[in-house]
Amino acid sequence: MAEFQHNNHVHSTTQQPPFLLDTGCIPHMGFEPQQDHSDLEMVNEFTEQMRMAIKEAKSAIRKVQDDMKKYYDCQRTLAPVFKPGNKVFLDASDICTTCLSQKLSH
């Protein structure tokens, strides 16, 4: 039942249930009435449903990615521009030298 609920629940990113995107139809509990269609109609309907589901999922994912980028970029600033001769601080914790004293290794 948990798997059924997960596959039938609308995902926040794609705005579609995972089962619909995978198979092209909503999972049924088994007591819904069956519809009679010809095989060709069912194939065409399935193909169109899959095409539309994938299109909607892609646009929803693109929108979420744009939103995430916008909020991420609000927190970031441009990197400083360094020129030859500028003085900068260097974190030497990962630099190994042959000098016995780190203090004198510069």
N, C-alpha and C. Protein backbone atom coordinates (compact mmCIF):
# COMPACT_ATOMS: atom_id res chain seq x y z
N MET A 1 0.83 -1.19 0.00
CA MET A 1 0.00 0.00 0.00
C MET A 1 0.87 1.26 0.00
N ALA A 2 2.01 1.20 0.71
CA ALA A 2 2.89 2.36 0.74
C ALA A 2 3.47 2.64 -0.65
N GLU A 3 3.86 1.58 -1.36
CA GLU A 3 4.40 1.75 -2.71
C GLU A 3 3.33 2.30 -3.65
N PHE A 4 2.11 1.79 -3.52
CA PHE A 4 1.00 2.29 -4.34
C PHE A 4 0.78 3.78 -4.08
N GLN A 5 0.76 4.15 -2.82
CA GLN A 5 0.55 5.56 -2.46
C GLN A 5 1.67 6.43 -3.01
N HIS A 6 2.91 5.96 -2.88
CA HIS A 6 4.06 6.74 -3.38
C HIS A 6 3.96 6.92 -4.90
N ASN A 7 3.66 5.84 -5.62
CA ASN A 7 3.59 5.91 -7.08
C ASN A 7 2.39 6.69 -7.59
N ASN A 8 1.36 6.84 -6.77
CA ASN A 8 0.15 7.54 -7.17
C ASN A 8 0.13 8.99 -6.69
N HIS A 9 1.12 9.40 -5.91
CA HIS A 9 1.18 10.75 -5.34
C HIS A 9 1.88 11.70 -6.32
N VAL A 10 1.35 12.90 -6.45
CA VAL A 10 1.94 13.90 -7.35
C VAL A 10 3.27 14.37 -6.78
N HIS A 11 4.35 14.24 -7.57
CA HIS A 11 5.69 14.64 -7.14
C HIS A 11 5.83 16.15 -7.23
N SER A 12 6.51 16.75 -6.29
CA SER A 12 6.61 18.21 -6.24
C SER A 12 7.38 18.80 -7.41
N THR A 13 8.35 18.08 -7.95
CA THR A 13 9.14 18.61 -9.06
C THR A 13 8.44 18.45 -10.39
N THR A 14 7.99 17.24 -10.71
CA THR A 14 7.40 16.98 -12.03
C THR A 14 5.93 17.34 -12.10
N GLN A 15 5.28 17.53 -10.96
CA GLN A 15 3.84 17.79 -10.90
C GLN A 15 3.03 16.65 -11.51
N GLN A 16 3.60 15.45 -11.53
CA GLN A 16 2.95 14.25 -12.05
C GLN A 16 3.26 13.08 -11.11
N PRO A 17 2.36 12.10 -11.02
CA PRO A 17 2.70 10.89 -10.26
C PRO A 17 3.77 10.09 -10.99
N PRO A 18 4.74 9.48 -10.28
CA PRO A 18 5.78 8.70 -10.95
C PRO A 18 5.22 7.56 -11.82
N PHE A 19 4.14 6.93 -11.38
CA PHE A 19 3.56 5.83 -12.16
C PHE A 19 3.05 6.33 -13.50
N LEU A 20 2.46 7.52 -13.52
CA LEU A 20 1.96 8.09 -14.78
C LEU A 20 3.11 8.34 -15.74
N LEU A 21 4.22 8.88 -15.25
CA LEU A 21 5.36 9.17 -16.13
C LEU A 21 6.02 7.89 -16.62
N ASP A 22 5.95 6.82 -15.83
CA ASP A 22 6.59 5.57 -16.20
C ASP A 22 5.73 4.75 -17.16
N THR A 23 4.44 4.68 -16.90
CA THR A 23 3.58 3.79 -17.68
C THR A 23 2.57 4.51 -18.55
N GLY A 24 2.29 5.77 -18.25
CA GLY A 24 1.32 6.50 -19.05
C GLY A 24 -0.09 6.45 -18.52
N CYS A 25 -0.30 5.82 -17.39
CA CYS A 25 -1.65 5.76 -16.82
C CYS A 25 -1.56 5.86 -15.30
N ILE A 26 -2.68 6.22 -14.71
CA ILE A 26 -2.77 6.31 -13.26
C ILE A 26 -3.03 4.89 -12.72
N PRO A 27 -2.35 4.48 -11.64
CA PRO A 27 -2.62 3.14 -11.11
C PRO A 27 -4.03 3.05 -10.54
N HIS A 28 -4.65 1.90 -10.74
CA HIS A 28 -6.02 1.69 -10.27
C HIS A 28 -6.02 0.68 -9.14
N MET A 29 -7.00 0.80 -8.29
CA MET A 29 -7.14 -0.12 -7.16
C MET A 29 -7.71 -1.47 -7.61
N GLY A 30 -8.39 -1.51 -8.76
CA GLY A 30 -8.93 -2.76 -9.26
C GLY A 30 -10.44 -2.81 -9.26
N PHE A 31 -11.10 -1.85 -8.68
CA PHE A 31 -12.56 -1.88 -8.67
C PHE A 31 -13.18 -0.75 -9.49
N GLU A 32 -12.36 -0.08 -10.33
CA GLU A 32 -12.89 0.94 -11.22
C GLU A 32 -13.48 0.26 -12.45
N PRO A 33 -14.53 0.85 -13.08
CA PRO A 33 -15.11 0.24 -14.28
C PRO A 33 -14.13 0.27 -15.45
N GLN A 34 -14.12 -0.79 -16.24
CA GLN A 34 -13.25 -0.89 -17.41
C GLN A 34 -13.90 -0.19 -18.60
N GLN A 35 -13.10 0.44 -19.46
CA GLN A 35 -13.62 1.09 -20.66
C GLN A 35 -13.23 0.24 -21.86
N ASP A 36 -14.14 0.13 -22.82
CA ASP A 36 -13.88 -0.63 -24.04
C ASP A 36 -13.37 0.31 -25.13
N HIS A 37 -12.19 0.04 -25.64
CA HIS A 37 -11.60 0.80 -26.73
C HIS A 37 -10.99 -0.19 -27.71
N SER A 38 -10.85 0.25 -28.96
CA SER A 38 -10.13 -0.60 -29.90
C SER A 38 -8.64 -0.50 -29.59
N ASP A 39 -7.89 -1.49 -30.04
CA ASP A 39 -6.45 -1.53 -29.76
C ASP A 39 -5.72 -0.32 -30.35
N LEU A 40 -6.06 0.06 -31.57
CA LEU A 40 -5.39 1.19 -32.21
C LEU A 40 -5.70 2.49 -31.46
N GLU A 41 -6.93 2.66 -31.04
CA GLU A 41 -7.29 3.85 -30.27
C GLU A 41 -6.52 3.90 -28.96
N MET A 42 -6.39 2.73 -28.32
CA MET A 42 -5.68 2.68 -27.04
C MET A 42 -4.21 3.02 -27.23
N VAL A 43 -3.60 2.51 -28.30
CA VAL A 43 -2.19 2.79 -28.57
C VAL A 43 -1.99 4.28 -28.84
N ASN A 44 -2.86 4.86 -29.68
CA ASN A 44 -2.74 6.29 -29.99
C ASN A 44 -2.97 7.14 -28.74
N GLU A 45 -3.97 6.76 -27.95
CA GLU A 45 -4.25 7.50 -26.72
C GLU A 45 -3.09 7.40 -25.74
N PHE A 46 -2.53 6.19 -25.61
CA PHE A 46 -1.38 5.99 -24.72
C PHE A 46 -0.19 6.81 -25.18
N THR A 47 0.08 6.79 -26.48
CA THR A 47 1.21 7.54 -27.02
C THR A 47 1.05 9.03 -26.77
N GLU A 48 -0.16 9.54 -26.99
CA GLU A 48 -0.39 10.96 -26.77
C GLU A 48 -0.31 11.32 -25.29
N GLN A 49 -0.83 10.45 -24.42
CA GLN A 49 -0.73 10.70 -22.98
C GLN A 49 0.72 10.73 -22.52
N MET A 50 1.53 9.79 -23.02
CA MET A 50 2.95 9.76 -22.65
C MET A 50 3.67 11.00 -23.16
N ARG A 51 3.36 11.41 -24.37
CA ARG A 51 4.00 12.60 -24.95
C ARG A 51 3.66 13.83 -24.11
N MET A 52 2.40 13.98 -23.75
CA MET A 52 1.99 15.13 -22.96
C MET A 52 2.55 15.07 -21.53
N ALA A 53 2.57 13.87 -20.94
CA ALA A 53 3.10 13.73 -19.57
C ALA A 53 4.58 14.08 -19.53
N ILE A 54 5.33 13.62 -20.51
CA ILE A 54 6.77 13.91 -20.56
C ILE A 54 6.99 15.41 -20.80
N LYS A 55 6.19 16.00 -21.68
CA LYS A 55 6.32 17.44 -21.96
C LYS A 55 6.03 18.25 -20.69
N GLU A 56 4.97 17.90 -19.98
CA GLU A 56 4.63 18.61 -18.75
C GLU A 56 5.69 18.40 -17.67
N ALA A 57 6.20 17.17 -17.56
CA ALA A 57 7.24 16.89 -16.56
C ALA A 57 8.50 17.68 -16.86
N LYS A 58 8.90 17.74 -18.13
CA LYS A 58 10.09 18.50 -18.49
C LYS A 58 9.93 19.98 -18.19
N SER A 59 8.75 20.52 -18.48
CA SER A 59 8.55 21.95 -18.21
C SER A 59 8.51 22.21 -16.70
N ALA A 60 7.95 21.28 -15.94
CA ALA A 60 7.92 21.45 -14.48
C ALA A 60 9.33 21.37 -13.91
N ILE A 61 10.13 20.43 -14.39
CA ILE A 61 11.52 20.30 -13.93
C ILE A 61 12.31 21.55 -14.29
N ARG A 62 12.10 22.06 -15.51
CA ARG A 62 12.81 23.28 -15.94
C ARG A 62 12.43 24.45 -15.04
N LYS A 63 11.15 24.57 -14.68
CA LYS A 63 10.70 25.66 -13.81
C LYS A 63 11.34 25.53 -12.43
N VAL A 64 11.38 24.33 -11.88
CA VAL A 64 11.99 24.12 -10.56
C VAL A 64 13.48 24.44 -10.62
N GLN A 65 14.15 24.03 -11.69
CA GLN A 65 15.57 24.32 -11.83
C GLN A 65 15.81 25.84 -11.90
N ASP A 66 14.97 26.54 -12.64
CA ASP A 66 15.10 28.00 -12.73
C ASP A 66 14.88 28.65 -11.37
N ASP A 67 13.87 28.17 -10.63
CA ASP A 67 13.61 28.72 -9.29
C ASP A 67 14.79 28.46 -8.36
N MET A 68 15.33 27.24 -8.40
CA MET A 68 16.46 26.90 -7.54
C MET A 68 17.67 27.76 -7.90
N LYS A 69 17.91 27.97 -9.19
CA LYS A 69 19.03 28.80 -9.62
C LYS A 69 18.86 30.24 -9.14
N LYS A 70 17.64 30.75 -9.26
CA LYS A 70 17.37 32.12 -8.83
C LYS A 70 17.66 32.29 -7.34
N TYR A 71 17.19 31.37 -6.51
CA TYR A 71 17.41 31.49 -5.07
C TYR A 71 18.87 31.23 -4.70
N TYR A 72 19.55 30.35 -5.43
CA TYR A 72 20.97 30.11 -5.18
C TYR A 72 21.79 31.34 -5.54
N ASP A 73 21.48 31.94 -6.69
CA ASP A 73 22.25 33.09 -7.15
C ASP A 73 22.05 34.32 -6.26
N CYS A 74 20.92 34.41 -5.56
CA CYS A 74 20.69 35.55 -4.65
C CYS A 74 21.71 35.55 -3.52
N GLN A 75 22.21 34.40 -3.13
CA GLN A 75 23.15 34.27 -2.01
C GLN A 75 24.61 34.46 -2.44
N ARG A 76 24.87 34.50 -3.73
CA ARG A 76 26.25 34.51 -4.22
C ARG A 76 26.66 35.90 -4.71
N THR A 77 27.96 36.17 -4.61
CA THR A 77 28.52 37.41 -5.13
C THR A 77 29.57 37.05 -6.17
N LEU A 78 29.96 38.03 -6.95
CA LEU A 78 30.98 37.79 -7.97
C LEU A 78 32.34 37.56 -7.30
N ALA A 79 33.15 36.74 -7.90
CA ALA A 79 34.49 36.46 -7.39
C ALA A 79 35.36 37.70 -7.58
N PRO A 80 36.25 37.97 -6.63
CA PRO A 80 37.13 39.14 -6.80
C PRO A 80 38.12 38.92 -7.94
N VAL A 81 38.51 40.01 -8.56
CA VAL A 81 39.46 39.95 -9.67
C VAL A 81 40.85 40.23 -9.10
N PHE A 82 41.78 39.30 -9.27
CA PHE A 82 43.15 39.47 -8.80
C PHE A 82 44.05 39.78 -9.98
N LYS A 83 45.01 40.66 -9.75
CA LYS A 83 45.98 41.03 -10.78
C LYS A 83 47.37 40.66 -10.28
N PRO A 84 48.30 40.46 -11.18
CA PRO A 84 49.67 40.16 -10.75
C PRO A 84 50.20 41.28 -9.86
N GLY A 85 50.78 40.90 -8.76
CA GLY A 85 51.34 41.86 -7.82
C GLY A 85 50.43 42.14 -6.63
N ASN A 86 49.16 41.73 -6.71
CA ASN A 86 48.26 41.92 -5.56
C ASN A 86 48.68 41.00 -4.43
N LYS A 87 48.51 41.48 -3.20
CA LYS A 87 48.82 40.65 -2.03
C LYS A 87 47.53 39.97 -1.59
N VAL A 88 47.63 38.65 -1.33
CA VAL A 88 46.47 37.86 -0.91
C VAL A 88 46.90 36.95 0.23
N PHE A 89 45.93 36.52 1.01
CA PHE A 89 46.21 35.53 2.06
C PHE A 89 46.12 34.15 1.46
N LEU A 90 47.02 33.26 1.93
CA LEU A 90 47.05 31.91 1.41
C LEU A 90 46.87 30.93 2.56
N ASP A 91 45.95 30.00 2.42
CA ASP A 91 45.77 28.94 3.42
C ASP A 91 46.78 27.85 3.08
N ALA A 92 47.81 27.72 3.90
CA ALA A 92 48.90 26.78 3.63
C ALA A 92 48.73 25.47 4.38
N SER A 93 47.53 25.16 4.86
CA SER A 93 47.35 23.94 5.64
C SER A 93 47.52 22.67 4.80
N ASP A 94 47.32 22.75 3.51
CA ASP A 94 47.47 21.58 2.65
C ASP A 94 48.76 21.59 1.83
N ILE A 95 49.62 22.54 2.08
CA ILE A 95 50.88 22.64 1.33
C ILE A 95 52.00 22.01 2.16
N CYS A 96 52.67 21.04 1.57
CA CYS A 96 53.78 20.36 2.25
C CYS A 96 55.11 20.91 1.71
N THR A 97 56.03 21.25 2.61
CA THR A 97 57.35 21.74 2.21
C THR A 97 58.42 20.90 2.88
N THR A 98 59.66 21.10 2.47
CA THR A 98 60.77 20.34 3.06
C THR A 98 61.36 21.06 4.26
N CYS A 99 60.90 22.27 4.53
CA CYS A 99 61.40 23.03 5.66
C CYS A 99 60.91 22.41 6.97
N LEU A 100 61.76 22.41 8.01
CA LEU A 100 61.38 21.80 9.29
C LEU A 100 60.34 22.63 10.05
N SER A 101 60.30 23.91 9.81
CA SER A 101 59.36 24.78 10.53
C SER A 101 58.40 25.41 9.52
N GLN A 102 57.11 25.29 9.78
CA GLN A 102 56.13 25.92 8.87
C GLN A 102 56.28 27.44 8.88
N LYS A 103 56.66 27.96 10.02
CA LYS A 103 56.80 29.40 10.17
C LYS A 103 57.86 29.96 9.22
N LEU A 104 58.90 29.19 8.97
CA LEU A 104 60.01 29.65 8.15
C LEU A 104 59.92 29.15 6.71
N SER A 105 58.86 28.50 6.33
CA SER A 105 58.81 27.87 5.01
C SER A 105 58.37 28.80 3.88
N HIS A 106 58.19 30.10 4.14
CA HIS A 106 57.78 30.98 3.07
C HIS A 106 58.93 31.67 2.38
